[in-house]
Amino acid sequence: MITAEFYRTSDNKLIGFSVSGHAGMADFGQDIACASVSSAVMLTANTITEAFGIKAAAEAYENEILLKLKEDPRGEGDKLILGLLTHLYMLKEEFPKAINVKITEK
């Protein structure tokens, strides 16, 4: 199962996420749920760091991607992460046994 954990502050601002695991719907490289999640996560991370130039700590491992905003003075990172959260909730509806989404207050 893919686990997507989103981090938010006490004032409800999204400040990062961690996505790990494998959907287990097909072999590696053939799993459409994994491909959908991976593509959305990488698009979000690259948009935050490269397109918007928002300072963030980003790490990619074999089976996990982490991103935490360091600075977000204009609130753009929060909105981009909200877009990813919304997209993953929609994918969870399509693949309910493959994706788990949760929000943690940090």
C-alpha atoms as a PDB file:
ATOM      1  CA  MET A   1       0.000   0.000   0.000  1.00  0.00           C
ATOM      2  CA  ILE A   2       1.133   3.551  -0.728  1.00  0.00           C
ATOM      3  CA  THR A   3       1.073   5.788   2.325  1.00  0.00           C
ATOM      4  CA  ALA A   4       0.935   9.535   1.830  1.00  0.00           C
ATOM      5  CA  GLU A   5       1.355  11.585   4.991  1.00  0.00           C
ATOM      6  CA  PHE A   6       0.861  15.334   4.813  1.00  0.00           C
ATOM      7  CA  TYR A   7       2.152  17.696   7.475  1.00  0.00           C
ATOM      8  CA  ARG A   8       0.307  20.817   8.555  1.00  0.00           C
ATOM      9  CA  THR A   9       0.785  23.499  11.160  1.00  0.00           C
ATOM     10  CA  SER A  10      -1.647  24.342  13.951  1.00  0.00           C
ATOM     11  CA  ASP A  11      -2.984  27.189  11.762  1.00  0.00           C
ATOM     12  CA  ASN A  12      -3.836  24.651   9.026  1.00  0.00           C
ATOM     13  CA  LYS A  13      -0.985  25.439   6.578  1.00  0.00           C
ATOM     14  CA  LEU A  14       0.449  22.472   4.704  1.00  0.00           C
ATOM     15  CA  ILE A  15       4.228  22.383   5.116  1.00  0.00           C
ATOM     16  CA  GLY A  16       5.291  19.063   3.618  1.00  0.00           C
ATOM     17  CA  PHE A  17       4.637  15.436   2.838  1.00  0.00           C
ATOM     18  CA  SER A  18       6.076  11.939   2.811  1.00  0.00           C
ATOM     19  CA  VAL A  19       4.969   9.340   0.272  1.00  0.00           C
ATOM     20  CA  SER A  20       6.178   5.756   0.506  1.00  0.00           C
ATOM     21  CA  GLY A  21       5.291   2.196  -0.335  1.00  0.00           C
ATOM     22  CA  HIS A  22       4.007   0.315  -3.331  1.00  0.00           C
ATOM     23  CA  ALA A  23       0.404  -0.115  -4.413  1.00  0.00           C
ATOM     24  CA  GLY A  24       0.887  -3.822  -5.118  1.00  0.00           C
ATOM     25  CA  MET A  25      -1.571  -3.864  -7.998  1.00  0.00           C
ATOM     26  CA  ALA A  26       0.978  -5.055 -10.560  1.00  0.00           C
ATOM     27  CA  ASP A  27       4.683  -5.748 -10.977  1.00  0.00           C
ATOM     28  CA  PHE A  28       7.193  -2.943 -10.557  1.00  0.00           C
ATOM     29  CA  GLY A  29       7.052  -0.667 -13.588  1.00  0.00           C
ATOM     30  CA  GLN A  30       3.586  -1.913 -14.558  1.00  0.00           C
ATOM     31  CA  ASP A  31       1.516  -0.570 -11.638  1.00  0.00           C
ATOM     32  CA  ILE A  32      -0.747   2.273 -12.782  1.00  0.00           C
ATOM     33  CA  ALA A  33      -1.593   3.347  -9.221  1.00  0.00           C
ATOM     34  CA  CYS A  34       2.117   3.684  -8.365  1.00  0.00           C
ATOM     35  CA  ALA A  35       2.824   5.508 -11.607  1.00  0.00           C
ATOM     36  CA  SER A  36      -0.046   7.927 -10.981  1.00  0.00           C
ATOM     37  CA  VAL A  37       1.110   8.737  -7.462  1.00  0.00           C
ATOM     38  CA  SER A  38       4.801   8.954  -8.378  1.00  0.00           C
ATOM     39  CA  SER A  39       4.139  11.309 -11.257  1.00  0.00           C
ATOM     40  CA  ALA A  40       1.932  13.611  -9.161  1.00  0.00           C
ATOM     41  CA  VAL A  41       4.452  13.690  -6.304  1.00  0.00           C
ATOM     42  CA  MET A  42       7.419  14.460  -8.560  1.00  0.00           C
ATOM     43  CA  LEU A  43       5.454  17.145 -10.420  1.00  0.00           C
ATOM     44  CA  THR A  44       4.551  18.791  -7.116  1.00  0.00           C
ATOM     45  CA  ALA A  45       8.077  18.603  -5.691  1.00  0.00           C
ATOM     46  CA  ASN A  46       9.653  19.959  -8.877  1.00  0.00           C
ATOM     47  CA  THR A  47       7.073  22.731  -9.194  1.00  0.00           C
ATOM     48  CA  ILE A  48       7.706  23.822  -5.600  1.00  0.00           C
ATOM     49  CA  THR A  49      11.498  23.797  -5.822  1.00  0.00           C
ATOM     50  CA  GLU A  50      12.244  24.541  -9.472  1.00  0.00           C
ATOM     51  CA  ALA A  51       9.324  26.489 -10.953  1.00  0.00           C
ATOM     52  CA  PHE A  52       8.425  28.547  -7.873  1.00  0.00           C
ATOM     53  CA  GLY A  53      11.882  28.530  -6.276  1.00  0.00           C
ATOM     54  CA  ILE A  54      10.457  27.844  -2.818  1.00  0.00           C
ATOM     55  CA  LYS A  55      13.096  26.726  -0.326  1.00  0.00           C
ATOM     56  CA  ALA A  56      12.372  23.151   0.695  1.00  0.00           C
ATOM     57  CA  ALA A  57      14.180  20.087   1.940  1.00  0.00           C
ATOM     58  CA  ALA A  58      13.494  17.349  -0.590  1.00  0.00           C
ATOM     59  CA  GLU A  59      14.773  13.786  -0.472  1.00  0.00           C
ATOM     60  CA  ALA A  60      14.086  10.866  -2.781  1.00  0.00           C
ATOM     61  CA  TYR A  61      14.868   7.280  -1.889  1.00  0.00           C
ATOM     62  CA  GLU A  62      14.110   4.046  -3.676  1.00  0.00           C
ATOM     63  CA  ASN A  63      10.664   3.754  -2.102  1.00  0.00           C
ATOM     64  CA  GLU A  64      10.015   7.128  -0.433  1.00  0.00           C
ATOM     65  CA  ILE A  65       9.858  10.817  -1.280  1.00  0.00           C
ATOM     66  CA  LEU A  66       9.970  13.485   1.409  1.00  0.00           C
ATOM     67  CA  LEU A  67       9.497  17.229   1.099  1.00  0.00           C
ATOM     68  CA  LYS A  68       9.307  19.869   3.813  1.00  0.00           C
ATOM     69  CA  LEU A  69       9.021  23.573   3.134  1.00  0.00           C
ATOM     70  CA  LYS A  70      11.750  25.693   4.728  1.00  0.00           C
ATOM     71  CA  GLU A  71      10.229  29.032   3.743  1.00  0.00           C
ATOM     72  CA  ASP A  72       6.898  29.853   2.130  1.00  0.00           C
ATOM     73  CA  PRO A  73       6.384  33.593   2.589  1.00  0.00           C
ATOM     74  CA  ARG A  74       3.739  33.922  -0.150  1.00  0.00           C
ATOM     75  CA  GLY A  75       1.863  30.711   0.711  1.00  0.00           C
ATOM     76  CA  GLU A  76       2.391  29.178  -2.719  1.00  0.00           C
ATOM     77  CA  GLY A  77       3.906  25.947  -1.394  1.00  0.00           C
ATOM     78  CA  ASP A  78       0.876  25.365   0.811  1.00  0.00           C
ATOM     79  CA  LYS A  79      -1.402  25.640  -2.229  1.00  0.00           C
ATOM     80  CA  LEU A  80       0.739  23.311  -4.344  1.00  0.00           C
ATOM     81  CA  ILE A  81       0.787  20.708  -1.562  1.00  0.00           C
ATOM     82  CA  LEU A  82      -2.996  21.103  -1.205  1.00  0.00           C
ATOM     83  CA  GLY A  83      -3.273  20.308  -4.922  1.00  0.00           C
ATOM     84  CA  LEU A  84      -1.294  17.094  -4.394  1.00  0.00           C
ATOM     85  CA  LEU A  85      -3.386  16.174  -1.351  1.00  0.00           C
ATOM     86  CA  THR A  86      -6.587  16.686  -3.342  1.00  0.00           C
ATOM     87  CA  HIS A  87      -5.245  14.650  -6.258  1.00  0.00           C
ATOM     88  CA  LEU A  88      -4.218  11.761  -3.984  1.00  0.00           C
ATOM     89  CA  TYR A  89      -7.668  11.719  -2.350  1.00  0.00           C
ATOM     90  CA  MET A  90      -9.135  11.368  -5.850  1.00  0.00           C
ATOM     91  CA  LEU A  91      -6.708   8.546  -6.681  1.00  0.00           C
ATOM     92  CA  LYS A  92      -7.621   6.871  -3.385  1.00  0.00           C
ATOM     93  CA  GLU A  93     -11.245   6.788  -4.559  1.00  0.00           C
ATOM     94  CA  GLU A  94     -10.119   5.089  -7.776  1.00  0.00           C
ATOM     95  CA  PHE A  95      -7.693   2.695  -6.018  1.00  0.00           C
ATOM     96  CA  PRO A  96      -9.105   2.335  -2.460  1.00  0.00           C
ATOM     97  CA  LYS A  97      -6.999  -0.696  -1.500  1.00  0.00           C
ATOM     98  CA  ALA A  98      -3.759   0.787  -2.831  1.00  0.00           C
ATOM     99  CA  ILE A  99      -3.490   4.277  -1.315  1.00  0.00           C
ATOM    100  CA  ASN A 100      -3.748   5.601   2.244  1.00  0.00           C
ATOM    101  CA  VAL A 101      -3.749   9.368   2.849  1.00  0.00           C
ATOM    102  CA  LYS A 102      -3.415  11.001   6.255  1.00  0.00           C
ATOM    103  CA  ILE A 103      -2.724  14.463   7.659  1.00  0.00           C
ATOM    104  CA  THR A 104      -0.513  15.005  10.709  1.00  0.00           C
ATOM    105  CA  GLU A 105      -0.157  18.212  12.672  1.00  0.00           C
ATOM    106  CA  LYS A 106       3.481  19.233  13.137  1.00  0.00           C
END
